[in-house]
């Protein structure tokens, strides 16, 4: 049962019309990629890398080459160390130093990853997300804040002495008189 030429032409026309209808409603998607992170994260200076190693067990393990770190561990460390002066250099030197743990391709890969992270202004990663020692260490939310905490919280002394308004005014006037005269 072969179809006649006219039937085939009608089928082809239907298919073409159907394709035209589908193409009519297709829109080309345009994606604008905008970096929404406008806040620049401040870099910190440190005095001693040995102090930093004491505060971060994972960094100590990495810098001393005790074991090969997994991708997430190095990535988390790198996101923190790019905000510490000399941190990027330390990562790349350490990867190059321990050739039995990391290949030379890894050093180039991490150089690219670090540059991309800096370009995209990635924030320092929280220790709980990448560090196996996070529950054992005493630290702030990330390595950068642990090394150089920006906001210190002090316990207030609750032994406040309150004065009556009139009495306070007299003391203030007397102190001003002492300074002026």
C-alpha atoms as a PDB file:
ATOM      1  CA  UNK A   1       0.000   0.000   0.000  1.00  0.00           C
ATOM      2  CA  UNK A   2       2.006   2.851  -1.206  1.00  0.00           C
ATOM      3  CA  UNK A   3       0.876   6.384  -0.768  1.00  0.00           C
ATOM      4  CA  UNK A   4       0.166   8.526  -3.713  1.00  0.00           C
ATOM      5  CA  UNK A   5       2.358  11.480  -4.538  1.00  0.00           C
ATOM      6  CA  UNK A   6      -0.365  13.909  -3.484  1.00  0.00           C
ATOM      7  CA  UNK A   7      -0.688  12.275  -0.063  1.00  0.00           C
ATOM      8  CA  UNK A   8       3.076  12.445   0.444  1.00  0.00           C
ATOM      9  CA  UNK A   9       3.098  16.113  -0.542  1.00  0.00           C
ATOM     10  CA  UNK A  10       0.282  16.854   1.935  1.00  0.00           C
ATOM     11  CA  UNK A  11       2.181  15.065   4.704  1.00  0.00           C
ATOM     12  CA  UNK A  12       5.337  17.023   3.901  1.00  0.00           C
ATOM     13  CA  UNK A  13       3.379  20.298   3.915  1.00  0.00           C
ATOM     14  CA  UNK A  14       1.880  19.412   7.319  1.00  0.00           C
ATOM     15  CA  UNK A  15       5.329  18.674   8.696  1.00  0.00           C
ATOM     16  CA  UNK A  16       6.714  21.941   7.284  1.00  0.00           C
ATOM     17  CA  UNK A  17       3.773  23.938   8.678  1.00  0.00           C
ATOM     18  CA  UNK A  18       4.185  22.274  12.030  1.00  0.00           C
ATOM     19  CA  UNK A  19       7.937  23.095  12.016  1.00  0.00           C
ATOM     20  CA  UNK A  20       7.192  26.707  11.062  1.00  0.00           C
ATOM     21  CA  UNK A  21       4.734  27.012  13.966  1.00  0.00           C
ATOM     22  CA  UNK A  22       7.304  25.581  16.367  1.00  0.00           C
ATOM     23  CA  UNK A  23      10.048  27.881  15.056  1.00  0.00           C
ATOM     24  CA  UNK A  24       7.700  30.848  15.302  1.00  0.00           C
ATOM     25  CA  UNK A  25       7.403  30.399  19.063  1.00  0.00           C
ATOM     26  CA  UNK A  26      11.052  29.612  19.691  1.00  0.00           C
ATOM     27  CA  UNK A  27      13.004  32.468  21.150  1.00  0.00           C
ATOM     28  CA  UNK A  28      16.703  32.737  21.400  1.00  0.00           C
ATOM     29  CA  UNK A  29      17.810  32.771  25.029  1.00  0.00           C
ATOM     30  CA  UNK A  30      20.347  35.379  25.960  1.00  0.00           C
ATOM     31  CA  UNK A  31      22.095  35.086  29.287  1.00  0.00           C
ATOM     32  CA  UNK A  32      23.834  37.999  30.886  1.00  0.00           C
ATOM     33  CA  UNK A  33      26.374  36.905  33.427  1.00  0.00           C
ATOM     34  CA  UNK A  34      26.957  39.571  36.004  1.00  0.00           C
ATOM     35  CA  UNK A  35      29.082  39.207  39.084  1.00  0.00           C
ATOM     36  CA  UNK A  36      26.677  40.097  41.868  1.00  0.00           C
ATOM     37  CA  UNK A  37      29.415  40.210  44.497  1.00  0.00           C
ATOM     38  CA  UNK A  38      30.337  43.853  44.670  1.00  0.00           C
ATOM     39  CA  UNK A  39      31.956  43.832  48.075  1.00  0.00           C
ATOM     40  CA  UNK A  40      35.737  43.478  47.913  1.00  0.00           C
ATOM     41  CA  UNK A  41      37.149  41.266  50.626  1.00  0.00           C
ATOM     42  CA  UNK A  42      40.150  42.768  52.369  1.00  0.00           C
ATOM     43  CA  UNK A  43      43.485  40.998  52.288  1.00  0.00           C
ATOM     44  CA  UNK A  44      45.279  40.457  55.574  1.00  0.00           C
ATOM     45  CA  UNK A  45      48.950  40.449  56.479  1.00  0.00           C
ATOM     46  CA  UNK A  46      50.403  37.949  58.888  1.00  0.00           C
ATOM     47  CA  UNK A  47      53.641  38.050  60.840  1.00  0.00           C
ATOM     48  CA  UNK A  48      54.436  34.361  61.089  1.00  0.00           C
ATOM     49  CA  UNK A  49      53.385  31.343  59.056  1.00  0.00           C
ATOM     50  CA  UNK A  50      54.252  29.115  61.997  1.00  0.00           C
ATOM     51  CA  UNK A  51      51.479  30.827  63.982  1.00  0.00           C
ATOM     52  CA  UNK A  52      49.072  30.172  61.120  1.00  0.00           C
ATOM     53  CA  UNK A  53      50.091  26.493  61.018  1.00  0.00           C
ATOM     54  CA  UNK A  54      49.421  26.230  64.754  1.00  0.00           C
ATOM     55  CA  UNK A  55      45.918  27.610  64.290  1.00  0.00           C
ATOM     56  CA  UNK A  56      45.016  25.412  61.293  1.00  0.00           C
ATOM     57  CA  UNK A  57      45.777  21.695  61.413  1.00  0.00           C
ATOM     58  CA  UNK A  58      44.838  21.100  57.751  1.00  0.00           C
ATOM     59  CA  UNK A  59      47.217  23.838  56.611  1.00  0.00           C
ATOM     60  CA  UNK A  60      49.993  22.279  58.702  1.00  0.00           C
ATOM     61  CA  UNK A  61      49.353  18.850  57.152  1.00  0.00           C
ATOM     62  CA  UNK A  62      49.399  20.413  53.681  1.00  0.00           C
ATOM     63  CA  UNK A  63      52.519  22.561  54.143  1.00  0.00           C
ATOM     64  CA  UNK A  64      54.485  19.711  55.727  1.00  0.00           C
ATOM     65  CA  UNK A  65      53.394  17.201  53.058  1.00  0.00           C
ATOM     66  CA  UNK A  66      52.082  14.615  55.515  1.00  0.00           C
ATOM     67  CA  UNK A  67      49.465  13.398  53.061  1.00  0.00           C
ATOM     68  CA  UNK A  68      47.909  14.278  49.718  1.00  0.00           C
ATOM     69  CA  UNK A  69      44.944  16.577  50.193  1.00  0.00           C
ATOM     70  CA  UNK A  70      41.734  16.004  48.244  1.00  0.00           C
ATOM     71  CA  UNK A  71      40.462  18.565  45.762  1.00  0.00           C
ATOM     72  CA  UNK A  72      37.887  20.058  48.155  1.00  0.00           C
ATOM     73  CA  UNK A  73      40.486  20.460  50.893  1.00  0.00           C
ATOM     74  CA  UNK A  74      42.952  22.297  48.643  1.00  0.00           C
ATOM     75  CA  UNK A  75      40.150  24.364  47.131  1.00  0.00           C
ATOM     76  CA  UNK A  76      38.895  25.418  50.573  1.00  0.00           C
ATOM     77  CA  UNK A  77      42.410  26.278  51.716  1.00  0.00           C
ATOM     78  CA  UNK A  78      43.070  28.239  48.527  1.00  0.00           C
ATOM     79  CA  UNK A  79      39.871  30.282  48.907  1.00  0.00           C
ATOM     80  CA  UNK A  80      41.085  31.312  52.352  1.00  0.00           C
ATOM     81  CA  UNK A  81      44.763  31.766  51.542  1.00  0.00           C
ATOM     82  CA  UNK A  82      44.212  34.038  48.527  1.00  0.00           C
ATOM     83  CA  UNK A  83      43.140  36.687  51.044  1.00  0.00           C
ATOM     84  CA  UNK A  84      46.320  36.307  53.093  1.00  0.00           C
ATOM     85  CA  UNK A  85      49.476  37.955  51.749  1.00  0.00           C
ATOM     86  CA  UNK A  86      51.775  35.230  50.446  1.00  0.00           C
ATOM     87  CA  UNK A  87      49.067  32.564  50.673  1.00  0.00           C
ATOM     88  CA  UNK A  88      48.748  31.913  46.956  1.00  0.00           C
ATOM     89  CA  UNK A  89      52.525  31.555  46.698  1.00  0.00           C
ATOM     90  CA  UNK A  90      52.555  29.083  49.617  1.00  0.00           C
ATOM     91  CA  UNK A  91      49.949  26.852  47.963  1.00  0.00           C
ATOM     92  CA  UNK A  92      51.756  26.688  44.636  1.00  0.00           C
ATOM     93  CA  UNK A  93      55.188  26.226  46.260  1.00  0.00           C
ATOM     94  CA  UNK A  94      53.879  23.383  48.403  1.00  0.00           C
ATOM     95  CA  UNK A  95      52.277  21.593  45.450  1.00  0.00           C
ATOM     96  CA  UNK A  96      55.564  21.988  43.535  1.00  0.00           C
ATOM     97  CA  UNK A  97      57.656  20.905  46.520  1.00  0.00           C
ATOM     98  CA  UNK A  98      55.945  17.541  47.040  1.00  0.00           C
ATOM     99  CA  UNK A  99      56.189  16.015  43.572  1.00  0.00           C
ATOM    100  CA  UNK A 100      55.478  12.555  45.006  1.00  0.00           C
ATOM    101  CA  UNK A 101      52.037  13.799  46.122  1.00  0.00           C
ATOM    102  CA  UNK A 102      51.132  16.279  43.370  1.00  0.00           C
ATOM    103  CA  UNK A 103      52.043  16.221  39.682  1.00  0.00           C
ATOM    104  CA  UNK A 104      53.331  19.277  37.796  1.00  0.00           C
ATOM    105  CA  UNK A 105      49.994  19.364  35.949  1.00  0.00           C
ATOM    106  CA  UNK A 106      48.291  19.850  39.315  1.00  0.00           C
ATOM    107  CA  UNK A 107      50.433  22.907  39.978  1.00  0.00           C
ATOM    108  CA  UNK A 108      49.324  24.508  36.686  1.00  0.00           C
ATOM    109  CA  UNK A 109      45.712  23.471  37.343  1.00  0.00           C
ATOM    110  CA  UNK A 110      45.732  25.064  40.783  1.00  0.00           C
ATOM    111  CA  UNK A 111      47.352  28.208  39.427  1.00  0.00           C
ATOM    112  CA  UNK A 112      44.434  28.547  36.986  1.00  0.00           C
ATOM    113  CA  UNK A 113      41.859  27.724  39.685  1.00  0.00           C
ATOM    114  CA  UNK A 114      43.309  30.300  42.082  1.00  0.00           C
ATOM    115  CA  UNK A 115      43.396  32.999  39.407  1.00  0.00           C
ATOM    116  CA  UNK A 116      39.782  32.242  38.486  1.00  0.00           C
ATOM    117  CA  UNK A 117      38.734  32.356  42.151  1.00  0.00           C
ATOM    118  CA  UNK A 118      40.414  35.737  42.570  1.00  0.00           C
ATOM    119  CA  UNK A 119      38.880  37.050  39.334  1.00  0.00           C
ATOM    120  CA  UNK A 120      35.391  35.991  40.428  1.00  0.00           C
ATOM    121  CA  UNK A 121      35.947  37.391  43.929  1.00  0.00           C
ATOM    122  CA  UNK A 122      35.058  34.127  45.662  1.00  0.00           C
ATOM    123  CA  UNK A 123      34.650  34.499  49.398  1.00  0.00           C
ATOM    124  CA  UNK A 124      36.728  32.481  51.865  1.00  0.00           C
ATOM    125  CA  UNK A 125      35.128  29.077  52.412  1.00  0.00           C
ATOM    126  CA  UNK A 126      33.900  28.096  55.875  1.00  0.00           C
ATOM    127  CA  UNK A 127      36.066  25.452  57.536  1.00  0.00           C
ATOM    128  CA  UNK A 128      33.113  23.111  58.148  1.00  0.00           C
ATOM    129  CA  UNK A 129      32.628  22.734  54.400  1.00  0.00           C
ATOM    130  CA  UNK A 130      36.067  21.329  53.567  1.00  0.00           C
ATOM    131  CA  UNK A 131      38.199  20.601  56.619  1.00  0.00           C
ATOM    132  CA  UNK A 132      38.339  17.200  58.336  1.00  0.00           C
ATOM    133  CA  UNK A 133      39.732  18.896  61.457  1.00  0.00           C
ATOM    134  CA  UNK A 134      36.951  21.505  61.718  1.00  0.00           C
ATOM    135  CA  UNK A 135      35.373  19.890  64.776  1.00  0.00           C
ATOM    136  CA  UNK A 136      38.739  19.590  66.545  1.00  0.00           C
ATOM    137  CA  UNK A 137      40.111  23.088  65.898  1.00  0.00           C
ATOM    138  CA  UNK A 138      39.244  26.199  67.815  1.00  0.00           C
ATOM    139  CA  UNK A 139      38.559  28.719  65.082  1.00  0.00           C
ATOM    140  CA  UNK A 140      36.263  31.306  63.603  1.00  0.00           C
ATOM    141  CA  UNK A 141      34.115  30.470  60.591  1.00  0.00           C
ATOM    142  CA  UNK A 142      37.051  30.416  58.159  1.00  0.00           C
ATOM    143  CA  UNK A 143      40.838  30.413  58.126  1.00  0.00           C
ATOM    144  CA  UNK A 144      41.147  34.061  57.105  1.00  0.00           C
ATOM    145  CA  UNK A 145      39.133  35.206  60.115  1.00  0.00           C
ATOM    146  CA  UNK A 146      40.960  32.789  62.407  1.00  0.00           C
ATOM    147  CA  UNK A 147      44.345  34.197  61.419  1.00  0.00           C
ATOM    148  CA  UNK A 148      43.308  37.851  61.509  1.00  0.00           C
ATOM    149  CA  UNK A 149      39.922  38.323  63.165  1.00  0.00           C
ATOM    150  CA  UNK A 150      38.384  41.621  62.133  1.00  0.00           C
ATOM    151  CA  UNK A 151      35.609  41.957  64.651  1.00  0.00           C
ATOM    152  CA  UNK A 152      36.579  41.341  68.234  1.00  0.00           C
ATOM    153  CA  UNK A 153      33.865  40.798  70.800  1.00  0.00           C
ATOM    154  CA  UNK A 154      34.667  41.864  74.327  1.00  0.00           C
ATOM    155  CA  UNK A 155      32.895  40.871  77.494  1.00  0.00           C
ATOM    156  CA  UNK A 156      31.506  43.978  79.141  1.00  0.00           C
ATOM    157  CA  UNK A 157      32.101  44.810  82.745  1.00  0.00           C
ATOM    158  CA  UNK A 158      28.707  44.846  84.427  1.00  0.00           C
ATOM    159  CA  UNK A 159      29.870  46.935  87.394  1.00  0.00           C
ATOM    160  CA  UNK A 160      28.497  50.209  86.058  1.00  0.00           C
ATOM    161  CA  UNK A 161      28.099  53.167  88.378  1.00  0.00           C
ATOM    162  CA  UNK A 162      25.087  55.305  87.616  1.00  0.00           C
ATOM    163  CA  UNK A 163      24.666  58.913  88.736  1.00  0.00           C
ATOM    164  CA  UNK A 164      21.694  61.131  89.209  1.00  0.00           C
ATOM    165  CA  UNK A 165      21.352  63.679  86.382  1.00  0.00           C
ATOM    166  CA  UNK A 166      21.939  66.666  88.705  1.00  0.00           C
ATOM    167  CA  UNK A 167      24.918  65.025  90.376  1.00  0.00           C
ATOM    168  CA  UNK A 168      26.432  64.122  86.996  1.00  0.00           C
ATOM    169  CA  UNK A 169      25.943  67.695  85.799  1.00  0.00           C
ATOM    170  CA  UNK A 170      27.786  69.064  88.863  1.00  0.00           C
ATOM    171  CA  UNK A 171      30.707  66.678  88.293  1.00  0.00           C
ATOM    172  CA  UNK A 172      30.872  67.643  84.605  1.00  0.00           C
ATOM    173  CA  UNK A 173      30.852  71.383  85.400  1.00  0.00           C
ATOM    174  CA  UNK A 174      33.612  70.922  87.998  1.00  0.00           C
ATOM    175  CA  UNK A 175      35.777  68.971  85.564  1.00  0.00           C
ATOM    176  CA  UNK A 176      35.318  71.635  82.880  1.00  0.00           C
ATOM    177  CA  UNK A 177      36.258  74.372  85.376  1.00  0.00           C
ATOM    178  CA  UNK A 178      39.437  72.457  86.261  1.00  0.00           C
ATOM    179  CA  UNK A 179      40.477  72.255  82.602  1.00  0.00           C
ATOM    180  CA  UNK A 180      39.554  75.845  81.669  1.00  0.00           C
ATOM    181  CA  UNK A 181      40.922  77.629  84.761  1.00  0.00           C
END
